[in-house]
Amino acid sequence: MKRQGLRYLIVGGANTLGSYLLYCLLLLWIGPQPAWLTSYAISMLAGYVAHSRLVFDAQLGARPALGYIGLQFLMYFLSSGVLAVGLHYRLDPRIAAAVTIAITVPISFLLSRWLLAARASSRTASTEADKTNLEMK
């Protein structure tokens, strides 16, 4: 789990940094919540591919994608709520987004690991069982 956590931090950190920079850029033209939605949607797509392949070694497919997208919508609503609280208390939008990221990243890691790694390990277990069955024949 430590190596997986490190890969998650590196891949997720790069994706989060890109999303945050896009958010800050979008603030020049639109408000904080629309900027958050736009940057989040783009990072969700990039994050699915990167986390599936580079972190959890999970297959890309419709079923895991739907689960991941559902998880990201949940995380979007959670993060939007945290952002709204920060903005309510008059934090600078960039600071509020940074606080939001710091709060939601650990939650996202645990839920993503549960979703994607569980599928990858069950795939590995069934592959190993198939190999064992073939060897016994």
Protein backbone atom coordinates (compact mmCIF):
# COMPACT_ATOMS: atom_id res chain seq x y z
CA MET A 1 0.00 0.00 0.00
CA LYS A 2 2.92 2.37 0.64
CA ARG A 3 4.13 2.17 -2.97
CA GLN A 4 0.59 2.53 -4.23
CA GLY A 5 0.08 5.50 -1.95
CA LEU A 6 3.27 7.10 -3.28
CA ARG A 7 2.19 6.52 -6.89
CA TYR A 8 -1.22 7.96 -6.02
CA LEU A 9 0.40 11.05 -4.58
CA ILE A 10 2.62 11.56 -7.62
CA VAL A 11 -0.04 10.89 -10.28
CA GLY A 12 -2.81 12.54 -8.30
CA GLY A 13 -0.55 15.43 -7.38
CA ALA A 14 0.25 16.12 -11.02
CA ASN A 15 -3.42 15.86 -11.96
CA THR A 16 -4.48 18.01 -9.01
CA LEU A 17 -1.84 20.63 -9.76
CA GLY A 18 -2.98 20.81 -13.38
CA SER A 19 -6.59 21.10 -12.25
CA TYR A 20 -5.73 23.80 -9.72
CA LEU A 21 -3.78 25.81 -12.29
CA LEU A 22 -6.66 25.52 -14.74
CA TYR A 23 -9.04 26.65 -11.98
CA CYS A 24 -6.88 29.70 -11.24
CA LEU A 25 -6.72 30.54 -14.95
CA LEU A 26 -10.48 30.19 -15.36
CA LEU A 27 -11.02 32.58 -12.44
CA LEU A 28 -9.88 35.33 -14.79
CA TRP A 29 -13.09 34.86 -16.81
CA ILE A 30 -15.68 33.06 -14.68
CA GLY A 31 -16.70 32.69 -11.03
CA PRO A 32 -15.24 30.21 -8.55
CA GLN A 33 -17.93 27.51 -8.72
CA PRO A 34 -18.10 27.32 -12.56
CA ALA A 35 -14.30 27.34 -12.69
CA TRP A 36 -14.22 24.55 -10.11
CA LEU A 37 -16.73 22.47 -12.10
CA THR A 38 -14.86 22.92 -15.37
CA SER A 39 -11.43 22.11 -13.99
CA TYR A 40 -12.84 19.19 -11.99
CA ALA A 41 -14.52 17.64 -15.03
CA ILE A 42 -11.33 17.81 -17.08
CA SER A 43 -9.22 16.39 -14.27
CA MET A 44 -11.77 13.61 -13.72
CA LEU A 45 -11.18 12.25 -17.21
CA ALA A 46 -7.41 12.53 -16.98
CA GLY A 47 -7.46 11.10 -13.46
CA TYR A 48 -9.41 8.00 -14.45
CA VAL A 49 -6.91 7.00 -17.10
CA ALA A 50 -3.86 7.86 -14.99
CA HIS A 51 -5.09 6.25 -11.78
CA SER A 52 -6.36 3.13 -13.51
CA ARG A 53 -3.15 2.52 -15.42
CA LEU A 54 -0.38 4.00 -13.31
CA VAL A 55 -1.59 3.61 -9.74
CA PHE A 56 -4.04 0.73 -9.37
CA ASP A 57 -3.20 -1.35 -12.46
CA ALA A 58 -6.91 -1.69 -13.20
CA GLN A 59 -8.49 -2.37 -16.55
CA LEU A 60 -10.01 0.53 -18.40
CA GLY A 61 -13.57 -0.34 -19.19
CA ALA A 62 -17.16 0.76 -18.91
CA ARG A 63 -17.86 -0.79 -15.52
CA PRO A 64 -14.82 0.57 -13.65
CA ALA A 65 -15.24 3.90 -15.46
CA LEU A 66 -18.83 4.25 -14.26
CA GLY A 67 -17.78 3.47 -10.70
CA TYR A 68 -14.90 5.93 -10.89
CA ILE A 69 -17.09 8.64 -12.41
CA GLY A 70 -19.70 8.06 -9.70
CA LEU A 71 -17.00 8.35 -7.06
CA GLN A 72 -15.70 11.55 -8.65
CA PHE A 73 -19.19 13.06 -8.69
CA LEU A 74 -19.44 12.28 -4.99
CA MET A 75 -16.03 13.88 -4.46
CA TYR A 76 -17.06 16.86 -6.59
CA PHE A 77 -20.11 17.52 -4.40
CA LEU A 78 -18.04 17.10 -1.25
CA SER A 79 -15.31 19.41 -2.54
CA SER A 80 -17.84 21.97 -3.80
CA GLY A 81 -19.36 22.06 -0.35
CA VAL A 82 -15.97 22.57 1.27
CA LEU A 83 -15.17 25.28 -1.29
CA ALA A 84 -18.51 26.98 -0.60
CA VAL A 85 -17.77 27.02 3.13
CA GLY A 86 -14.36 28.58 2.48
CA LEU A 87 -15.88 31.20 0.21
CA HIS A 88 -18.63 31.87 2.78
CA TYR A 89 -15.92 32.68 5.33
CA ARG A 90 -14.40 35.05 2.78
CA LEU A 91 -11.27 33.07 1.98
CA ASP A 92 -9.59 34.06 -1.25
CA PRO A 93 -10.92 31.63 -3.92
CA ARG A 94 -7.41 30.28 -4.54
CA ILE A 95 -6.85 29.63 -0.83
CA ALA A 96 -10.31 28.08 -0.48
CA ALA A 97 -9.51 25.71 -3.36
CA ALA A 98 -6.16 24.75 -1.81
CA VAL A 99 -7.85 23.98 1.53
CA THR A 100 -10.51 21.98 -0.30
CA ILE A 101 -7.85 19.92 -2.05
CA ALA A 102 -6.01 19.24 1.20
CA ILE A 103 -9.20 17.96 2.83
CA THR A 104 -10.55 15.85 -0.02
CA VAL A 105 -7.39 14.18 -1.41
CA PRO A 106 -7.02 11.62 1.40
CA ILE A 107 -10.71 10.74 1.17
CA SER A 108 -10.44 10.38 -2.59
CA PHE A 109 -7.39 8.10 -2.27
CA LEU A 110 -9.13 5.71 0.10
CA LEU A 111 -12.29 5.54 -1.98
CA SER A 112 -10.39 5.22 -5.30
CA ARG A 113 -8.23 2.48 -3.86
CA TRP A 114 -11.29 0.64 -2.64
CA LEU A 115 -12.96 0.96 -6.05
CA LEU A 116 -10.10 0.44 -8.51
CA ALA A 117 -7.65 -1.69 -6.54
CA ALA A 118 -10.37 -4.11 -5.46
CA ARG A 119 -11.27 -4.71 -9.09
CA ALA A 120 -7.61 -5.16 -10.07
CA SER A 121 -6.95 -7.62 -7.23
CA SER A 122 -10.07 -9.65 -8.03
CA ARG A 123 -8.94 -9.77 -11.67
CA THR A 124 -5.48 -10.94 -10.58
CA ALA A 125 -6.98 -13.55 -8.24
CA SER A 126 -9.21 -14.96 -10.97
CA THR A 127 -6.27 -15.05 -13.42
CA GLU A 128 -4.13 -16.90 -10.87
CA ALA A 129 -6.99 -19.33 -10.17
CA ASP A 130 -7.30 -20.00 -13.91
CA LYS A 131 -3.55 -20.71 -14.11
CA THR A 132 -3.76 -23.07 -11.14
CA ASN A 133 -6.70 -24.91 -12.68
CA LEU A 134 -4.80 -25.31 -15.96
CA GLU A 135 -1.72 -26.60 -14.16
CA MET A 136 -3.80 -29.19 -12.30
CA LYS A 137 -5.23 -30.60 -15.55
